[in-house]
Amino acid sequence: DETLFEFLNNKGEDIPEESAVSAATSTAPTVGSKGSSESSVRAASPSTHEDFEGRIKSLTTEISSLNRRNIELETDCKRLQKRVA
């Protein structure tokens, strides 16, 4: 159980920044008549790009925190189920 807990606890923290960025750009609206989501990111102003990066980092941190809390709750639930059984 301890090894599984450690694995699951670290699972959400090792998200590469590139995958988070590509996930955000894949849902970005297109700009121009034939623009793709990638070209819309290139056309964005630098401040907008920085805003996206900051938001991505913030959301990644929040996801990691929620994953940790979820694992803690699952562990507590299993412990209580064993106590009741």
PDB file of N, CA and C in Angstrom:
ATOM      1  N   ASP A   1       0.812  -1.202   0.000  1.00  0.00           N
ATOM      2  CA  ASP A   1       0.000   0.000   0.000  1.00  0.00           C
ATOM      3  C   ASP A   1       0.851   1.260   0.000  1.00  0.00           C
ATOM      4  N   GLU A   2       1.939   1.255   0.760  1.00  0.00           N
ATOM      5  CA  GLU A   2       2.810   2.429   0.838  1.00  0.00           C
ATOM      6  C   GLU A   2       3.413   2.755  -0.523  1.00  0.00           C
ATOM      7  N   THR A   3       3.879   1.715  -1.243  1.00  0.00           N
ATOM      8  CA  THR A   3       4.491   1.944  -2.554  1.00  0.00           C
ATOM      9  C   THR A   3       3.462   2.480  -3.531  1.00  0.00           C
ATOM     10  N   LEU A   4       2.254   1.911  -3.512  1.00  0.00           N
ATOM     11  CA  LEU A   4       1.184   2.381  -4.388  1.00  0.00           C
ATOM     12  C   LEU A   4       0.840   3.824  -4.055  1.00  0.00           C
ATOM     13  N   PHE A   5       0.758   4.132  -2.771  1.00  0.00           N
ATOM     14  CA  PHE A   5       0.447   5.488  -2.346  1.00  0.00           C
ATOM     15  C   PHE A   5       1.494   6.474  -2.857  1.00  0.00           C
ATOM     16  N   GLU A   6       2.770   6.118  -2.717  1.00  0.00           N
ATOM     17  CA  GLU A   6       3.837   7.007  -3.184  1.00  0.00           C
ATOM     18  C   GLU A   6       3.774   7.184  -4.692  1.00  0.00           C
ATOM     19  N   PHE A   7       3.498   6.084  -5.421  1.00  0.00           N
ATOM     20  CA  PHE A   7       3.397   6.169  -6.874  1.00  0.00           C
ATOM     21  C   PHE A   7       2.255   7.092  -7.276  1.00  0.00           C
ATOM     22  N   LEU A   8       1.086   6.887  -6.680  1.00  0.00           N
ATOM     23  CA  LEU A   8      -0.068   7.711  -7.019  1.00  0.00           C
ATOM     24  C   LEU A   8       0.127   9.150  -6.573  1.00  0.00           C
ATOM     25  N   ASN A   9       0.804   9.338  -5.464  1.00  0.00           N
ATOM     26  CA  ASN A   9       1.048  10.678  -4.958  1.00  0.00           C
ATOM     27  C   ASN A   9       1.933  11.476  -5.910  1.00  0.00           C
ATOM     28  N   ASN A  10       2.903  10.826  -6.523  1.00  0.00           N
ATOM     29  CA  ASN A  10       3.816  11.509  -7.438  1.00  0.00           C
ATOM     30  C   ASN A  10       3.289  11.562  -8.858  1.00  0.00           C
ATOM     31  N   LYS A  11       2.243  10.820  -9.143  1.00  0.00           N
ATOM     32  CA  LYS A  11       1.727  10.693 -10.502  1.00  0.00           C
ATOM     33  C   LYS A  11       1.380  12.037 -11.139  1.00  0.00           C
ATOM     34  N   GLY A  12       0.696  12.921 -10.426  1.00  0.00           N
ATOM     35  CA  GLY A  12       0.257  14.182 -10.999  1.00  0.00           C
ATOM     36  C   GLY A  12       1.315  15.260 -11.030  1.00  0.00           C
ATOM     37  N   GLU A  13       2.454  15.025 -10.386  1.00  0.00           N
ATOM     38  CA  GLU A  13       3.450  16.082 -10.271  1.00  0.00           C
ATOM     39  C   GLU A  13       4.450  16.092 -11.416  1.00  0.00           C
ATOM     40  N   ASP A  14       4.531  15.017 -12.171  1.00  0.00           N
ATOM     41  CA  ASP A  14       5.548  14.919 -13.209  1.00  0.00           C
ATOM     42  C   ASP A  14       4.990  15.222 -14.592  1.00  0.00           C
ATOM     43  N   ILE A  15       4.089  16.179 -14.686  1.00  0.00           N
ATOM     44  CA  ILE A  15       3.518  16.545 -15.975  1.00  0.00           C
ATOM     45  C   ILE A  15       4.497  17.478 -16.672  1.00  0.00           C
ATOM     46  N   PRO A  16       5.023  17.063 -17.836  1.00  0.00           N
ATOM     47  CA  PRO A  16       5.953  17.954 -18.537  1.00  0.00           C
ATOM     48  C   PRO A  16       5.242  19.225 -18.975  1.00  0.00           C
ATOM     49  N   GLU A  17       5.960  20.334 -18.902  1.00  0.00           N
ATOM     50  CA  GLU A  17       5.358  21.606 -19.270  1.00  0.00           C
ATOM     51  C   GLU A  17       4.927  21.615 -20.725  1.00  0.00           C
ATOM     52  N   GLU A  18       5.683  20.923 -21.599  1.00  0.00           N
ATOM     53  CA  GLU A  18       5.337  20.890 -23.018  1.00  0.00           C
ATOM     54  C   GLU A  18       3.969  20.263 -23.238  1.00  0.00           C
ATOM     55  N   SER A  19       3.645  19.196 -22.520  1.00  0.00           N
ATOM     56  CA  SER A  19       2.348  18.560 -22.717  1.00  0.00           C
ATOM     57  C   SER A  19       1.231  19.463 -22.213  1.00  0.00           C
ATOM     58  N   ALA A  20       1.481  20.201 -21.145  1.00  0.00           N
ATOM     59  CA  ALA A  20       0.470  21.133 -20.656  1.00  0.00           C
ATOM     60  C   ALA A  20       0.254  22.255 -21.655  1.00  0.00           C
ATOM     61  N   VAL A  21       1.335  22.735 -22.258  1.00  0.00           N
ATOM     62  CA  VAL A  21       1.225  23.797 -23.255  1.00  0.00           C
ATOM     63  C   VAL A  21       0.509  23.284 -24.493  1.00  0.00           C
ATOM     64  N   SER A  22       0.852  22.084 -24.962  1.00  0.00           N
ATOM     65  CA  SER A  22       0.204  21.562 -26.161  1.00  0.00           C
ATOM     66  C   SER A  22      -1.267  21.299 -25.904  1.00  0.00           C
ATOM     67  N   ALA A  23      -1.620  20.888 -24.688  1.00  0.00           N
ATOM     68  CA  ALA A  23      -3.028  20.675 -24.365  1.00  0.00           C
ATOM     69  C   ALA A  23      -3.788  21.993 -24.408  1.00  0.00           C
ATOM     70  N   ALA A  24      -3.159  23.056 -23.941  1.00  0.00           N
ATOM     71  CA  ALA A  24      -3.818  24.354 -23.947  1.00  0.00           C
ATOM     72  C   ALA A  24      -3.935  24.903 -25.359  1.00  0.00           C
ATOM     73  N   THR A  25      -2.917  24.705 -26.184  1.00  0.00           N
ATOM     74  CA  THR A  25      -2.968  25.251 -27.537  1.00  0.00           C
ATOM     75  C   THR A  25      -3.890  24.452 -28.433  1.00  0.00           C
ATOM     76  N   SER A  26      -4.100  23.172 -28.149  1.00  0.00           N
ATOM     77  CA  SER A  26      -4.955  22.368 -29.014  1.00  0.00           C
ATOM     78  C   SER A  26      -6.408  22.794 -28.907  1.00  0.00           C
ATOM     79  N   THR A  27      -6.797  23.439 -27.815  1.00  0.00           N
ATOM     80  CA  THR A  27      -8.174  23.887 -27.667  1.00  0.00           C
ATOM     81  C   THR A  27      -8.324  25.378 -27.945  1.00  0.00           C
ATOM     82  N   ALA A  28      -7.246  26.029 -28.320  1.00  0.00           N
ATOM     83  CA  ALA A  28      -7.304  27.463 -28.586  1.00  0.00           C
ATOM     84  C   ALA A  28      -8.083  27.721 -29.870  1.00  0.00           C
ATOM     85  N   PRO A  29      -8.893  28.771 -29.907  1.00  0.00           N
ATOM     86  CA  PRO A  29      -9.639  29.076 -31.127  1.00  0.00           C
ATOM     87  C   PRO A  29      -8.695  29.511 -32.243  1.00  0.00           C
ATOM     88  N   THR A  30      -9.106  29.246 -33.464  1.00  0.00           N
ATOM     89  CA  THR A  30      -8.259  29.621 -34.594  1.00  0.00           C
ATOM     90  C   THR A  30      -8.422  31.100 -34.895  1.00  0.00           C
ATOM     91  N   VAL A  31      -7.402  31.673 -35.505  1.00  0.00           N
ATOM     92  CA  VAL A  31      -7.415  33.076 -35.875  1.00  0.00           C
ATOM     93  C   VAL A  31      -7.156  33.161 -37.368  1.00  0.00           C
ATOM     94  N   GLY A  32      -7.906  33.994 -38.065  1.00  0.00           N
ATOM     95  CA  GLY A  32      -7.712  34.131 -39.502  1.00  0.00           C
ATOM     96  C   GLY A  32      -8.544  33.115 -40.264  1.00  0.00           C
ATOM     97  N   SER A  33      -8.543  33.238 -41.588  1.00  0.00           N
ATOM     98  CA  SER A  33      -9.404  32.384 -42.391  1.00  0.00           C
ATOM     99  C   SER A  33      -8.931  30.947 -42.424  1.00  0.00           C
ATOM    100  N   LYS A  34      -7.604  30.722 -42.479  1.00  0.00           N
ATOM    101  CA  LYS A  34      -7.093  29.360 -42.560  1.00  0.00           C
ATOM    102  C   LYS A  34      -6.135  29.054 -41.417  1.00  0.00           C
ATOM    103  N   GLY A  35      -6.197  29.805 -40.343  1.00  0.00           N
ATOM    104  CA  GLY A  35      -5.264  29.618 -39.234  1.00  0.00           C
ATOM    105  C   GLY A  35      -5.564  28.360 -38.446  1.00  0.00           C
ATOM    106  N   SER A  36      -4.518  27.753 -37.922  1.00  0.00           N
ATOM    107  CA  SER A  36      -4.691  26.602 -37.038  1.00  0.00           C
ATOM    108  C   SER A  36      -4.506  27.079 -35.610  1.00  0.00           C
ATOM    109  N   SER A  37      -4.726  26.192 -34.664  1.00  0.00           N
ATOM    110  CA  SER A  37      -4.549  26.590 -33.270  1.00  0.00           C
ATOM    111  C   SER A  37      -3.101  26.991 -33.004  1.00  0.00           C
ATOM    112  N   GLU A  38      -2.151  26.341 -33.699  1.00  0.00           N
ATOM    113  CA  GLU A  38      -0.746  26.698 -33.503  1.00  0.00           C
ATOM    114  C   GLU A  38      -0.465  28.103 -34.023  1.00  0.00           C
ATOM    115  N   SER A  39      -1.008  28.442 -35.186  1.00  0.00           N
ATOM    116  CA  SER A  39      -0.737  29.766 -35.730  1.00  0.00           C
ATOM    117  C   SER A  39      -1.396  30.842 -34.877  1.00  0.00           C
ATOM    118  N   SER A  40      -2.529  30.521 -34.247  1.00  0.00           N
ATOM    119  CA  SER A  40      -3.173  31.515 -33.401  1.00  0.00           C
ATOM    120  C   SER A  40      -2.321  31.807 -32.171  1.00  0.00           C
ATOM    121  N   VAL A  41      -1.592  30.808 -31.688  1.00  0.00           N
ATOM    122  CA  VAL A  41      -0.713  31.035 -30.548  1.00  0.00           C
ATOM    123  C   VAL A  41       0.454  31.911 -30.971  1.00  0.00           C
ATOM    124  N   ARG A  42       1.003  31.663 -32.161  1.00  0.00           N
ATOM    125  CA  ARG A  42       2.112  32.487 -32.641  1.00  0.00           C
ATOM    126  C   ARG A  42       1.663  33.921 -32.886  1.00  0.00           C
ATOM    127  N   ALA A  43       0.408  34.106 -33.287  1.00  0.00           N
ATOM    128  CA  ALA A  43      -0.094  35.441 -33.577  1.00  0.00           C
ATOM    129  C   ALA A  43      -0.437  36.209 -32.299  1.00  0.00           C
ATOM    130  N   ALA A  44      -0.529  35.526 -31.183  1.00  0.00           N
ATOM    131  CA  ALA A  44      -0.901  36.167 -29.930  1.00  0.00           C
ATOM    132  C   ALA A  44       0.218  37.092 -29.459  1.00  0.00           C
ATOM    133  N   SER A  45      -0.169  38.121 -28.726  1.00  0.00           N
ATOM    134  CA  SER A  45       0.828  39.051 -28.206  1.00  0.00           C
ATOM    135  C   SER A  45       1.635  38.369 -27.107  1.00  0.00           C
ATOM    136  N   PRO A  46       2.864  38.823 -26.849  1.00  0.00           N
ATOM    137  CA  PRO A  46       3.707  38.211 -25.814  1.00  0.00           C
ATOM    138  C   PRO A  46       3.050  38.207 -24.436  1.00  0.00           C
ATOM    139  N   SER A  47       2.338  39.273 -24.099  1.00  0.00           N
ATOM    140  CA  SER A  47       1.705  39.308 -22.777  1.00  0.00           C
ATOM    141  C   SER A  47       0.631  38.233 -22.663  1.00  0.00           C
ATOM    142  N   THR A  48      -0.087  37.972 -23.748  1.00  0.00           N
ATOM    143  CA  THR A  48      -1.102  36.918 -23.731  1.00  0.00           C
ATOM    144  C   THR A  48      -0.441  35.567 -23.540  1.00  0.00           C
ATOM    145  N   HIS A  49       0.669  35.331 -24.231  1.00  0.00           N
ATOM    146  CA  HIS A  49       1.395  34.072 -24.097  1.00  0.00           C
ATOM    147  C   HIS A  49       1.876  33.884 -22.662  1.00  0.00           C
ATOM    148  N   GLU A  50       2.392  34.942 -22.055  1.00  0.00           N
ATOM    149  CA  GLU A  50       2.846  34.877 -20.665  1.00  0.00           C
ATOM    150  C   GLU A  50       1.675  34.600 -19.729  1.00  0.00           C
ATOM    151  N   ASP A  51       0.520  35.200 -20.028  1.00  0.00           N
ATOM    152  CA  ASP A  51      -0.669  34.945 -19.217  1.00  0.00           C
ATOM    153  C   ASP A  51      -1.053  33.474 -19.280  1.00  0.00           C
ATOM    154  N   PHE A  52      -1.003  32.904 -20.496  1.00  0.00           N
ATOM    155  CA  PHE A  52      -1.323  31.487 -20.651  1.00  0.00           C
ATOM    156  C   PHE A  52      -0.338  30.622 -19.878  1.00  0.00           C
ATOM    157  N   GLU A  53       0.938  30.919 -19.974  1.00  0.00           N
ATOM    158  CA  GLU A  53       1.949  30.128 -19.261  1.00  0.00           C
ATOM    159  C   GLU A  53       1.730  30.198 -17.754  1.00  0.00           C
ATOM    160  N   GLY A  54       1.438  31.384 -17.249  1.00  0.00           N
ATOM    161  CA  GLY A  54       1.175  31.537 -15.819  1.00  0.00           C
ATOM    162  C   GLY A  54      -0.057  30.766 -15.392  1.00  0.00           C
ATOM    163  N   ARG A  55      -1.081  30.829 -16.212  1.00  0.00           N
ATOM    164  CA  ARG A  55      -2.326  30.106 -15.901  1.00  0.00           C
ATOM    165  C   ARG A  55      -2.102  28.596 -15.949  1.00  0.00           C
ATOM    166  N   ILE A  56      -1.331  28.134 -16.925  1.00  0.00           N
ATOM    167  CA  ILE A  56      -1.027  26.701 -17.043  1.00  0.00           C
ATOM    168  C   ILE A  56      -0.271  26.223 -15.809  1.00  0.00           C
ATOM    169  N   LYS A  57       0.734  26.990 -15.383  1.00  0.00           N
ATOM    170  CA  LYS A  57       1.499  26.607 -14.189  1.00  0.00           C
ATOM    171  C   LYS A  57       0.599  26.577 -12.960  1.00  0.00           C
ATOM    172  N   SER A  58      -0.280  27.564 -12.845  1.00  0.00           N
ATOM    173  CA  SER A  58      -1.201  27.622 -11.715  1.00  0.00           C
ATOM    174  C   SER A  58      -2.139  26.419 -11.708  1.00  0.00           C
ATOM    175  N   LEU A  59      -2.686  26.090 -12.870  1.00  0.00           N
ATOM    176  CA  LEU A  59      -3.600  24.950 -12.962  1.00  0.00           C
ATOM    177  C   LEU A  59      -2.881  23.633 -12.718  1.00  0.00           C
ATOM    178  N   THR A  60      -1.651  23.514 -13.202  1.00  0.00           N
ATOM    179  CA  THR A  60      -0.864  22.297 -12.978  1.00  0.00           C
ATOM    180  C   THR A  60      -0.606  22.102 -11.484  1.00  0.00           C
ATOM    181  N   THR A  61      -0.280  23.186 -10.788  1.00  0.00           N
ATOM    182  CA  THR A  61      -0.070  23.120  -9.343  1.00  0.00           C
ATOM    183  C   THR A  61      -1.357  22.725  -8.633  1.00  0.00           C
ATOM    184  N   GLU A  62      -2.468  23.308  -9.076  1.00  0.00           N
ATOM    185  CA  GLU A  62      -3.759  22.986  -8.462  1.00  0.00           C
ATOM    186  C   GLU A  62      -4.130  21.519  -8.689  1.00  0.00           C
ATOM    187  N   ILE A  63      -3.880  21.003  -9.888  1.00  0.00           N
ATOM    188  CA  ILE A  63      -4.154  19.593 -10.188  1.00  0.00           C
ATOM    189  C   ILE A  63      -3.321  18.692  -9.290  1.00  0.00           C
ATOM    190  N   SER A  64      -2.046  19.003  -9.135  1.00  0.00           N
ATOM    191  CA  SER A  64      -1.176  18.201  -8.265  1.00  0.00           C
ATOM    192  C   SER A  64      -1.698  18.193  -6.833  1.00  0.00           C
ATOM    193  N   SER A  65      -2.110  19.347  -6.361  1.00  0.00           N
ATOM    194  CA  SER A  65      -2.633  19.452  -5.003  1.00  0.00           C
ATOM    195  C   SER A  65      -3.916  18.640  -4.847  1.00  0.00           C
ATOM    196  N   LEU A  66      -4.797  18.729  -5.834  1.00  0.00           N
ATOM    197  CA  LEU A  66      -6.045  17.967  -5.784  1.00  0.00           C
ATOM    198  C   LEU A  66      -5.789  16.471  -5.874  1.00  0.00           C
ATOM    199  N   ASN A  67      -4.813  16.065  -6.688  1.00  0.00           N
ATOM    200  CA  ASN A  67      -4.452  14.644  -6.773  1.00  0.00           C
ATOM    201  C   ASN A  67      -3.954  14.136  -5.426  1.00  0.00           C
ATOM    202  N   ARG A  68      -3.097  14.925  -4.771  1.00  0.00           N
ATOM    203  CA  ARG A  68      -2.596  14.534  -3.452  1.00  0.00           C
ATOM    204  C   ARG A  68      -3.740  14.396  -2.451  1.00  0.00           C
ATOM    205  N   ARG A  69      -4.645  15.361  -2.456  1.00  0.00           N
ATOM    206  CA  ARG A  69      -5.787  15.328  -1.525  1.00  0.00           C
ATOM    207  C   ARG A  69      -6.689  14.130  -1.820  1.00  0.00           C
ATOM    208  N   ASN A  70      -6.905  13.832  -3.090  1.00  0.00           N
ATOM    209  CA  ASN A  70      -7.721  12.687  -3.478  1.00  0.00           C
ATOM    210  C   ASN A  70      -7.109  11.391  -2.956  1.00  0.00           C
ATOM    211  N   ILE A  71      -5.802  11.259  -3.089  1.00  0.00           N
ATOM    212  CA  ILE A  71      -5.113  10.053  -2.613  1.00  0.00           C
ATOM    213  C   ILE A  71      -5.221   9.945  -1.092  1.00  0.00           C
ATOM    214  N   GLU A  72      -5.079  11.071  -0.405  1.00  0.00           N
ATOM    215  CA  GLU A  72      -5.233  11.058   1.051  1.00  0.00           C
ATOM    216  C   GLU A  72      -6.626  10.584   1.442  1.00  0.00           C
ATOM    217  N   LEU A  73      -7.641  11.080   0.742  1.00  0.00           N
ATOM    218  CA  LEU A  73      -9.017  10.690   1.046  1.00  0.00           C
ATOM    219  C   LEU A  73      -9.266   9.222   0.729  1.00  0.00           C
ATOM    220  N   GLU A  74      -8.716   8.737  -0.386  1.00  0.00           N
ATOM    221  CA  GLU A  74      -8.868   7.323  -0.736  1.00  0.00           C
ATOM    222  C   GLU A  74      -8.194   6.438   0.307  1.00  0.00           C
ATOM    223  N   THR A  75      -7.028   6.848   0.776  1.00  0.00           N
ATOM    224  CA  THR A  75      -6.313   6.092   1.802  1.00  0.00           C
ATOM    225  C   THR A  75      -7.113   6.066   3.101  1.00  0.00           C
ATOM    226  N   ASP A  76      -7.644   7.209   3.496  1.00  0.00           N
ATOM    227  CA  ASP A  76      -8.475   7.265   4.705  1.00  0.00           C
ATOM    228  C   ASP A  76      -9.709   6.382   4.558  1.00  0.00           C
ATOM    229  N   CYS A  77     -10.314   6.403   3.390  1.00  0.00           N
ATOM    230  CA  CYS A  77     -11.496   5.588   3.127  1.00  0.00           C
ATOM    231  C   CYS A  77     -11.170   4.101   3.266  1.00  0.00           C
ATOM    232  N   LYS A  78     -10.056   3.666   2.682  1.00  0.00           N
ATOM    233  CA  LYS A  78      -9.647   2.259   2.778  1.00  0.00           C
ATOM    234  C   LYS A  78      -9.373   1.876   4.227  1.00  0.00           C
ATOM    235  N   ARG A  79      -8.721   2.771   4.953  1.00  0.00           N
ATOM    236  CA  ARG A  79      -8.413   2.513   6.359  1.00  0.00           C
ATOM    237  C   ARG A  79      -9.703   2.357   7.166  1.00  0.00           C
ATOM    238  N   LEU A  80     -10.686   3.228   6.905  1.00  0.00           N
ATOM    239  CA  LEU A  80     -11.962   3.151   7.618  1.00  0.00           C
ATOM    240  C   LEU A  80     -12.746   1.899   7.231  1.00  0.00           C
ATOM    241  N   GLN A  81     -12.678   1.522   5.949  1.00  0.00           N
ATOM    242  CA  GLN A  81     -13.368   0.304   5.514  1.00  0.00           C
ATOM    243  C   GLN A  81     -12.788  -0.923   6.212  1.00  0.00           C
ATOM    244  N   LYS A  82     -11.469  -0.970   6.370  1.00  0.00           N
ATOM    245  CA  LYS A  82     -10.833  -2.092   7.069  1.00  0.00           C
ATOM    246  C   LYS A  82     -11.251  -2.109   8.536  1.00  0.00           C
ATOM    247  N   ARG A  83     -11.372  -0.929   9.132  1.00  0.00           N
ATOM    248  CA  ARG A  83     -11.751  -0.836  10.537  1.00  0.00           C
ATOM    249  C   ARG A  83     -13.189  -1.327  10.746  1.00  0.00           C
ATOM    250  N   VAL A  84     -14.074  -1.013   9.802  1.00  0.00           N
ATOM    251  CA  VAL A  84     -15.478  -1.412   9.902  1.00  0.00           C
ATOM    252  C   VAL A  84     -15.640  -2.907   9.656  1.00  0.00           C
ATOM    253  N   ALA A  85     -14.836  -3.464   8.750  1.00  0.00           N
ATOM    254  CA  ALA A  85     -14.976  -4.885   8.374  1.00  0.00           C
ATOM    255  C   ALA A  85     -14.558  -5.836   9.459  1.00  0.00           C
TER     256      ALA A  85
END
